[in-house]
Amino acid sequence: MKGLNRSKKSRLIRFIERQLESFLTYDLKEGAIYSKREHLKLLLSTSMLNGFATGVSNALGDSSPTGETLLSYIKTQKKEILKEAFDRLVNENVRRLRRQRRFRMPLPVAVDLHDIMYYGDHDNTPMVIGTKHTDGSNYAFKYLTASVLVDGQRLVVAVLPLESVKKDIPSCTVEIIQKLRVKLKVRIRYLVFDGGFFSIVILRLLEQSKLRYIVRMPQTNKTKKMRLWHGRRFTYRTSGHHRKKSEQISFEVAVVYDETKGYKYLFATNIPSYYRPETILKLFKKRWGIETGYRMSNQFLIKTTSKNYIIRLFYYLFACLVYNAWVMYNSRRSAKETSIGVIQMKIIILIGLIWSGLYASEGKQT
């Protein structure tokens, strides 16, 4: 690969492996044929290909554990153990970035909802909830994530699975803000939310937090009757029929016209009014980071048809950790070195796994 010699490619692969190996918290059975490292290589190969573990394992032959073996180990994990392992790795990455002085200034934080669409029997599958119709399904495993924006790249610092959108989003938002402030000691410059977070409860929580925020506001029948010109700032008071007058809230709204899309945005925000509307739109769009081709959580997500929630959670957290490893590797580059893109990283790792002997039968361990 242009710009990377073989030794640098090997260092990249080992760096990625070191970032991920402790996430495999299960113990191998006595007399297991394959080592934990070979389990990791199967996971990495499948992640790079966005494939099914069984299909990739079959292609690798005797040099790899079977997909069934891998899944049987993953199923033994507890949700709490996976969450602890994920948080531990995130904390280590934050400490590394702090040593690199990447946390000197307050950082923007993007809070998102991610849907992993589900196509099976949703009635008998734990954690599957209704969502916006996408790709032929109205049901998904839904995750709330928070990412800090460092040098234009997003580092995922929190992942919380949701059982109910209405009940869980407010409490999970509070939990994430607490984690950022207390556990990770991140100084928050501002919080950015998409339209899925727009609610009286969330806005009240944000006002109470005293943090700056930008929340995309869907247009309502009330706002559609207003004169909404580019740059207008006004105070909006909610008037929901299911709440008492005392439960309603007021907040500032900024109107921004996006010329590139021909679309008018409404943002609930407490960003000072002296910020230009174009600046507010820029801050909102910045939440996506550098890789905008498709959502972060899908770039390294292993496919599965399993109804087992632990497998689903393991795969999603693993995808986030692989993505974080890519961000962390790029954070180590010198000023003269070019960042490695996601596609380039995938190719390098797949080639490197061939070099390392994954595809050779003598790779077996006893």
Protein backbone atom coordinates (compact mmCIF):
# COMPACT_ATOMS: atom_id res chain seq x y z
CA MET A 1 0.00 0.00 0.00
CA LYS A 2 1.42 3.35 -1.06
CA GLY A 3 2.86 5.34 1.83
CA LEU A 4 3.16 2.35 4.17
CA ASN A 5 6.01 -0.16 4.05
CA ARG A 6 5.64 -3.70 5.34
CA SER A 7 6.97 -2.93 8.82
CA LYS A 8 4.50 -0.07 9.25
CA LYS A 9 1.67 -2.33 8.09
CA SER A 10 2.69 -4.91 10.67
CA ARG A 11 2.78 -2.23 13.37
CA LEU A 12 -0.71 -1.13 12.39
CA ILE A 13 -2.06 -4.67 12.72
CA ARG A 14 -0.39 -5.26 16.07
CA PHE A 15 -1.64 -1.89 17.30
CA ILE A 16 -5.21 -2.81 16.33
CA GLU A 17 -4.86 -6.22 18.00
CA ARG A 18 -3.55 -4.68 21.23
CA GLN A 19 -6.48 -2.27 21.25
CA LEU A 20 -8.97 -5.16 21.01
CA GLU A 21 -7.54 -8.28 22.62
CA SER A 22 -8.72 -7.53 26.16
CA PHE A 23 -12.32 -7.21 24.93
CA LEU A 24 -12.40 -11.02 24.56
CA THR A 25 -13.07 -11.59 28.25
CA TYR A 26 -14.16 -15.25 28.06
CA ASP A 27 -11.89 -18.13 29.11
CA LEU A 28 -11.08 -20.84 26.60
CA LYS A 29 -12.01 -24.41 27.45
CA GLU A 30 -9.28 -26.78 28.56
CA GLY A 31 -7.69 -28.37 25.50
CA ALA A 32 -9.08 -25.75 23.11
CA ILE A 33 -7.60 -26.14 19.63
CA TYR A 34 -7.39 -22.46 18.82
CA SER A 35 -5.86 -19.63 20.83
CA LYS A 36 -7.58 -16.39 21.88
CA ARG A 37 -5.48 -14.56 19.29
CA GLU A 38 -6.93 -16.74 16.53
CA HIS A 39 -10.42 -15.91 17.78
CA LEU A 40 -9.48 -12.25 17.49
CA LYS A 41 -8.13 -12.72 13.98
CA LEU A 42 -11.39 -14.35 12.90
CA LEU A 43 -13.32 -11.43 14.40
CA LEU A 44 -11.05 -8.89 12.71
CA SER A 45 -11.28 -10.64 9.33
CA THR A 46 -15.07 -10.75 9.57
CA SER A 47 -15.23 -7.14 10.72
CA MET A 48 -13.04 -5.91 7.85
CA LEU A 49 -15.30 -7.72 5.36
CA ASN A 50 -18.58 -6.80 7.08
CA GLY A 51 -19.33 -10.51 6.77
CA PHE A 52 -20.79 -13.41 8.73
CA ALA A 53 -18.42 -15.22 11.11
CA THR A 54 -19.51 -18.63 9.83
CA GLY A 55 -18.96 -17.69 6.18
CA VAL A 56 -15.52 -16.18 6.80
CA SER A 57 -14.51 -19.13 8.97
CA ASN A 58 -15.55 -21.58 6.23
CA ALA A 59 -13.42 -19.65 3.74
CA LEU A 60 -10.41 -19.82 6.08
CA GLY A 61 -10.72 -23.57 6.60
CA ASP A 62 -8.72 -25.39 9.28
CA SER A 63 -6.64 -22.32 10.08
CA SER A 64 -9.56 -20.71 11.93
CA PRO A 65 -12.02 -21.63 14.67
CA THR A 66 -15.52 -22.17 13.33
CA GLY A 67 -18.13 -19.47 13.48
CA GLU A 68 -20.23 -21.72 15.74
CA THR A 69 -17.32 -22.07 18.20
CA LEU A 70 -16.80 -18.32 18.30
CA LEU A 71 -20.50 -17.65 18.90
CA SER A 72 -20.69 -20.27 21.65
CA TYR A 73 -17.96 -18.39 23.57
CA ILE A 74 -19.52 -14.96 22.99
CA LYS A 75 -22.89 -16.22 24.30
CA THR A 76 -21.33 -16.99 27.69
CA GLN A 77 -20.59 -13.31 28.32
CA LYS A 78 -22.63 -11.11 30.64
CA LYS A 79 -23.86 -7.70 29.48
CA GLU A 80 -22.22 -6.04 32.50
CA ILE A 81 -18.84 -7.67 31.74
CA LEU A 82 -18.95 -6.50 28.12
CA LYS A 83 -19.81 -2.98 29.21
CA GLU A 84 -16.96 -2.94 31.76
CA ALA A 85 -14.46 -4.19 29.15
CA PHE A 86 -15.65 -1.57 26.65
CA ASP A 87 -15.46 1.25 29.22
CA ARG A 88 -11.98 0.15 30.32
CA LEU A 89 -10.67 0.35 26.73
CA VAL A 90 -12.34 3.73 26.21
CA ASN A 91 -10.75 5.04 29.41
CA GLU A 92 -7.33 3.88 28.24
CA ASN A 93 -7.78 5.70 24.92
CA VAL A 94 -8.85 8.90 26.67
CA ARG A 95 -5.76 8.72 28.89
CA ARG A 96 -3.53 8.31 25.81
CA LEU A 97 -5.12 11.29 24.10
CA ARG A 98 -4.76 13.35 27.27
CA ARG A 99 -1.04 12.51 27.36
CA GLN A 100 -0.86 13.68 23.73
CA ARG A 101 -2.41 16.96 24.93
CA ARG A 102 -5.48 16.44 22.74
CA PHE A 103 -7.77 17.29 25.69
CA ARG A 104 -6.27 20.66 26.55
CA MET A 105 -9.32 22.57 25.32
CA PRO A 106 -13.04 21.86 25.84
CA LEU A 107 -14.28 19.39 23.23
CA PRO A 108 -17.48 19.15 21.18
CA VAL A 109 -19.56 16.06 22.00
CA ALA A 110 -21.95 14.41 19.54
CA VAL A 111 -24.78 12.30 20.98
CA ASP A 112 -26.46 9.96 18.49
CA LEU A 113 -29.01 7.21 18.10
CA HIS A 114 -27.93 4.21 16.02
CA ASP A 115 -30.31 1.62 14.60
CA ILE A 116 -29.15 -1.89 13.70
CA MET A 117 -32.14 -3.07 11.70
CA TYR A 118 -33.77 -6.38 12.60
CA TYR A 119 -35.74 -8.55 10.16
CA GLY A 120 -36.81 -11.54 12.27
CA ASP A 121 -39.59 -12.18 14.78
CA HIS A 122 -39.43 -9.02 16.85
CA ASP A 123 -42.07 -10.10 19.39
CA ASN A 124 -39.85 -12.81 20.88
CA THR A 125 -36.48 -11.08 20.54
CA PRO A 126 -35.16 -9.11 23.55
CA MET A 127 -34.15 -5.45 23.05
CA VAL A 128 -35.77 -5.13 19.61
CA ILE A 129 -37.90 -1.98 19.50
CA GLY A 130 -39.90 -0.09 16.90
CA THR A 131 -38.17 2.54 14.80
CA LYS A 132 -38.47 4.53 11.58
CA HIS A 133 -39.04 2.28 8.54
CA THR A 134 -35.67 1.56 6.93
CA ASP A 135 -34.61 -1.05 4.36
CA GLY A 136 -37.81 -3.06 4.71
CA SER A 137 -38.09 -3.15 8.52
CA ASN A 138 -39.72 -1.14 11.30
CA TYR A 139 -37.69 -2.77 14.10
CA ALA A 140 -34.13 -2.46 15.30
CA PHE A 141 -31.62 -2.86 18.09
CA LYS A 142 -31.12 0.75 19.14
CA TYR A 143 -28.04 2.24 20.79
CA LEU A 144 -27.33 5.67 22.20
CA THR A 145 -23.72 6.73 21.68
CA ALA A 146 -21.55 9.69 22.61
CA SER A 147 -18.42 10.70 20.74
CA VAL A 148 -15.86 13.40 21.42
CA LEU A 149 -14.57 15.22 18.37
CA VAL A 150 -10.76 15.18 18.32
CA ASP A 151 -8.93 16.68 15.33
CA GLY A 152 -12.02 16.20 13.19
CA GLN A 153 -12.35 12.52 14.10
CA ARG A 154 -14.88 10.98 16.47
CA LEU A 155 -13.79 8.83 19.39
CA VAL A 156 -16.71 6.81 20.77
CA VAL A 157 -16.70 7.21 24.55
CA ALA A 158 -20.07 5.74 25.52
CA VAL A 159 -22.54 3.16 24.18
CA LEU A 160 -25.83 2.46 25.93
CA PRO A 161 -28.39 -0.05 24.60
CA LEU A 162 -32.00 1.11 24.71
CA GLU A 163 -35.06 -0.91 25.67
CA SER A 164 -37.50 1.96 25.15
CA VAL A 165 -36.88 5.22 23.32
CA LYS A 166 -39.30 7.31 25.38
CA LYS A 167 -38.21 5.97 28.78
CA ASP A 168 -34.48 5.42 28.24
CA ILE A 169 -33.26 8.42 26.22
CA PRO A 170 -33.55 11.00 29.06
CA SER A 171 -31.92 8.78 31.70
CA CYS A 172 -29.21 7.60 29.28
CA THR A 173 -28.46 11.19 28.27
CA VAL A 174 -27.95 12.12 31.92
CA GLU A 175 -25.76 9.04 32.42
CA ILE A 176 -23.59 9.95 29.44
CA ILE A 177 -23.12 13.57 30.54
CA GLN A 178 -22.16 12.34 34.02
CA LYS A 179 -19.68 9.86 32.58
CA LEU A 180 -18.03 12.53 30.43
CA ARG A 181 -17.77 15.03 33.25
CA VAL A 182 -16.97 12.80 36.22
CA LYS A 183 -15.35 9.58 35.03
CA LEU A 184 -13.57 10.79 31.88
CA LYS A 185 -13.11 14.37 33.12
CA VAL A 186 -13.89 15.75 29.67
CA ARG A 187 -14.50 19.48 29.48
CA ILE A 188 -17.50 19.82 27.17
CA ARG A 189 -17.45 22.73 24.73
CA TYR A 190 -20.99 22.00 23.51
CA LEU A 191 -23.33 19.04 22.95
CA VAL A 192 -24.88 18.27 19.55
CA PHE A 193 -28.05 16.19 19.11
CA ASP A 194 -30.04 15.14 16.06
CA GLY A 195 -33.83 15.41 15.83
CA GLY A 196 -34.45 12.10 17.61
CA PHE A 197 -33.55 13.82 20.91
CA PHE A 198 -35.92 16.75 20.59
CA SER A 199 -38.30 16.64 23.55
CA ILE A 200 -39.36 18.78 26.49
CA VAL A 201 -37.63 16.37 28.90
CA ILE A 202 -34.28 16.48 27.07
CA LEU A 203 -34.31 20.26 26.66
CA ARG A 204 -35.13 20.72 30.34
CA LEU A 205 -32.21 18.42 31.27
CA LEU A 206 -29.87 20.38 29.02
CA GLU A 207 -30.95 23.70 30.47
CA GLN A 208 -30.37 22.36 33.98
CA SER A 209 -26.89 21.08 33.02
CA LYS A 210 -25.76 24.64 32.16
CA LEU A 211 -23.95 23.23 29.12
CA ARG A 212 -24.15 24.70 25.65
CA TYR A 213 -26.17 22.61 23.24
CA ILE A 214 -27.52 22.37 19.69
CA VAL A 215 -30.56 20.15 19.11
CA ARG A 216 -32.10 19.80 15.69
CA MET A 217 -35.77 20.74 15.97
CA PRO A 218 -38.33 19.13 13.66
CA GLN A 219 -40.80 21.56 12.13
CA THR A 220 -44.23 21.52 13.75
CA ASN A 221 -47.61 22.84 12.62
CA LYS A 222 -46.87 25.84 14.82
CA THR A 223 -43.48 26.63 13.25
CA LYS A 224 -44.77 26.05 9.70
CA LYS A 225 -47.10 29.02 10.20
CA MET A 226 -44.21 31.28 11.25
CA ARG A 227 -42.07 33.49 9.07
CA LEU A 228 -38.75 31.67 9.30
CA TRP A 229 -36.00 33.57 7.53
CA HIS A 230 -32.32 32.72 7.56
CA GLY A 231 -30.63 34.04 10.69
CA ARG A 232 -33.77 34.61 12.72
CA ARG A 233 -33.48 33.95 16.50
CA PHE A 234 -36.59 33.80 18.65
CA THR A 235 -37.93 32.33 21.88
CA TYR A 236 -40.19 29.31 21.43
CA ARG A 237 -42.59 28.02 24.07
CA THR A 238 -43.95 24.49 23.86
CA SER A 239 -47.68 23.91 23.94
CA GLY A 240 -48.14 20.13 23.99
CA HIS A 241 -51.70 18.99 24.70
CA HIS A 242 -50.59 16.22 27.10
CA ARG A 243 -48.77 18.54 29.52
CA LYS A 244 -49.91 21.17 31.97
CA LYS A 245 -49.02 24.80 31.40
CA SER A 246 -46.50 24.64 34.23
CA GLU A 247 -44.74 21.70 32.54
CA GLN A 248 -44.11 23.57 29.28
CA ILE A 249 -40.71 25.15 28.63
CA SER A 250 -39.23 28.02 26.64
CA PHE A 251 -35.99 27.93 24.67
CA GLU A 252 -34.15 29.79 21.96
CA VAL A 253 -34.51 28.74 18.31
CA ALA A 254 -32.05 29.59 15.51
CA VAL A 255 -33.16 29.40 11.87
CA VAL A 256 -30.44 28.44 9.37
CA TYR A 257 -30.82 27.95 5.62
CA ASP A 258 -28.41 25.39 4.15
CA GLU A 259 -27.71 26.52 0.58
CA THR A 260 -25.91 23.29 -0.35
CA LYS A 261 -29.01 21.21 0.41
CA GLY A 262 -31.70 23.82 -0.14
CA TYR A 263 -33.01 23.01 3.34
CA LYS A 264 -34.07 25.17 6.28
CA TYR A 265 -32.89 23.96 9.71
CA LEU A 266 -34.38 24.86 13.07
CA PHE A 267 -32.06 24.44 16.04
CA ALA A 268 -33.01 24.56 19.71
CA THR A 269 -29.87 26.09 21.16
CA ASN A 270 -28.36 28.24 23.87
CA ILE A 271 -25.32 29.07 21.74
CA PRO A 272 -24.91 32.86 22.12
CA SER A 273 -26.80 34.95 19.57
CA TYR A 274 -23.62 36.65 18.36
CA TYR A 275 -22.68 33.37 16.60
CA ARG A 276 -23.52 33.61 12.90
CA PRO A 277 -26.17 31.14 11.65
CA GLU A 278 -23.60 29.61 9.27
CA THR A 279 -21.37 28.92 12.28
CA ILE A 280 -24.16 27.09 14.13
CA LEU A 281 -24.81 24.93 11.05
CA LYS A 282 -21.07 24.22 10.79
CA LEU A 283 -20.94 23.17 14.45
CA PHE A 284 -23.92 20.86 13.90
CA LYS A 285 -22.47 19.24 10.77
CA LYS A 286 -19.11 18.80 12.48
CA ARG A 287 -20.71 16.04 14.52
CA TRP A 288 -20.24 13.59 11.66
CA GLY A 289 -16.45 13.85 11.70
CA ILE A 290 -14.22 13.06 8.72
CA GLU A 291 -15.66 9.72 7.56
CA THR A 292 -19.09 10.68 6.23
CA GLY A 293 -19.65 7.93 3.64
CA TYR A 294 -21.84 5.92 6.00
CA ARG A 295 -22.43 5.66 9.71
CA MET A 296 -19.47 4.80 11.95
CA SER A 297 -21.11 1.81 13.58
CA ASN A 298 -21.66 0.11 10.21
CA GLN A 299 -18.13 0.40 8.90
CA PHE A 300 -16.84 -2.55 10.93
CA LEU A 301 -20.07 -4.28 11.95
CA ILE A 302 -20.13 -8.08 11.74
CA LYS A 303 -23.34 -9.47 10.29
CA THR A 304 -25.51 -12.00 12.09
CA THR A 305 -29.03 -13.40 12.02
CA SER A 306 -28.83 -14.46 15.67
CA LYS A 307 -31.63 -13.44 18.06
CA ASN A 308 -29.21 -13.65 21.00
CA TYR A 309 -28.84 -10.14 22.37
CA ILE A 310 -25.37 -10.76 23.84
CA ILE A 311 -24.06 -11.61 20.37
CA ARG A 312 -25.69 -8.47 18.95
CA LEU A 313 -24.25 -6.30 21.72
CA PHE A 314 -20.79 -7.87 21.44
CA TYR A 315 -20.68 -7.23 17.67
CA TYR A 316 -21.81 -3.62 18.02
CA LEU A 317 -19.32 -2.82 20.78
CA PHE A 318 -16.58 -4.59 18.83
CA ALA A 319 -17.36 -2.44 15.76
CA CYS A 320 -17.09 0.71 17.88
CA LEU A 321 -13.77 -0.45 19.32
CA VAL A 322 -12.33 -1.20 15.88
CA TYR A 323 -13.40 2.26 14.77
CA ASN A 324 -11.78 3.76 17.89
CA ALA A 325 -8.59 1.84 17.14
CA TRP A 326 -8.51 3.47 13.70
CA VAL A 327 -8.93 6.91 15.30
CA MET A 328 -6.23 6.17 17.87
CA TYR A 329 -3.76 4.95 15.25
CA ASN A 330 -4.23 8.14 13.25
CA SER A 331 -3.78 10.22 16.41
CA ARG A 332 -0.22 8.84 16.72
CA ARG A 333 0.91 9.99 13.29
CA SER A 334 3.47 12.76 12.93
CA ALA A 335 2.72 16.05 11.19
CA LYS A 336 4.35 14.71 8.00
CA GLU A 337 2.31 11.50 7.88
CA THR A 338 -1.04 11.19 6.12
CA SER A 339 -4.03 9.74 7.95
CA ILE A 340 -5.03 6.20 7.03
CA GLY A 341 -8.57 5.98 5.67
CA VAL A 342 -11.04 3.30 6.71
CA ILE A 343 -10.89 1.44 3.39
CA GLN A 344 -7.09 1.57 3.38
CA MET A 345 -7.03 0.21 6.93
CA LYS A 346 -9.31 -2.68 5.97
CA ILE A 347 -7.09 -3.68 3.06
CA ILE A 348 -3.90 -3.43 5.15
CA ILE A 349 -5.32 -5.59 7.95
CA LEU A 350 -6.67 -8.27 5.61
CA ILE A 351 -3.33 -8.50 3.79
CA GLY A 352 -1.50 -8.51 7.12
CA LEU A 353 -3.60 -11.37 8.43
CA ILE A 354 -2.55 -13.39 5.39
CA TRP A 355 1.11 -12.60 6.14
CA SER A 356 0.68 -13.58 9.77
CA GLY A 357 -0.30 -17.13 8.83
CA LEU A 358 -4.01 -17.02 9.53
CA TYR A 359 -4.65 -18.77 6.26
CA ALA A 360 -2.12 -21.53 6.94
CA SER A 361 -3.15 -24.73 8.69
CA GLU A 362 0.00 -24.76 10.78
CA GLY A 363 -1.49 -21.85 12.75
CA LYS A 364 -3.35 -24.28 15.02
CA GLN A 365 -2.77 -24.17 18.76
CA THR A 366 -3.38 -26.94 21.25
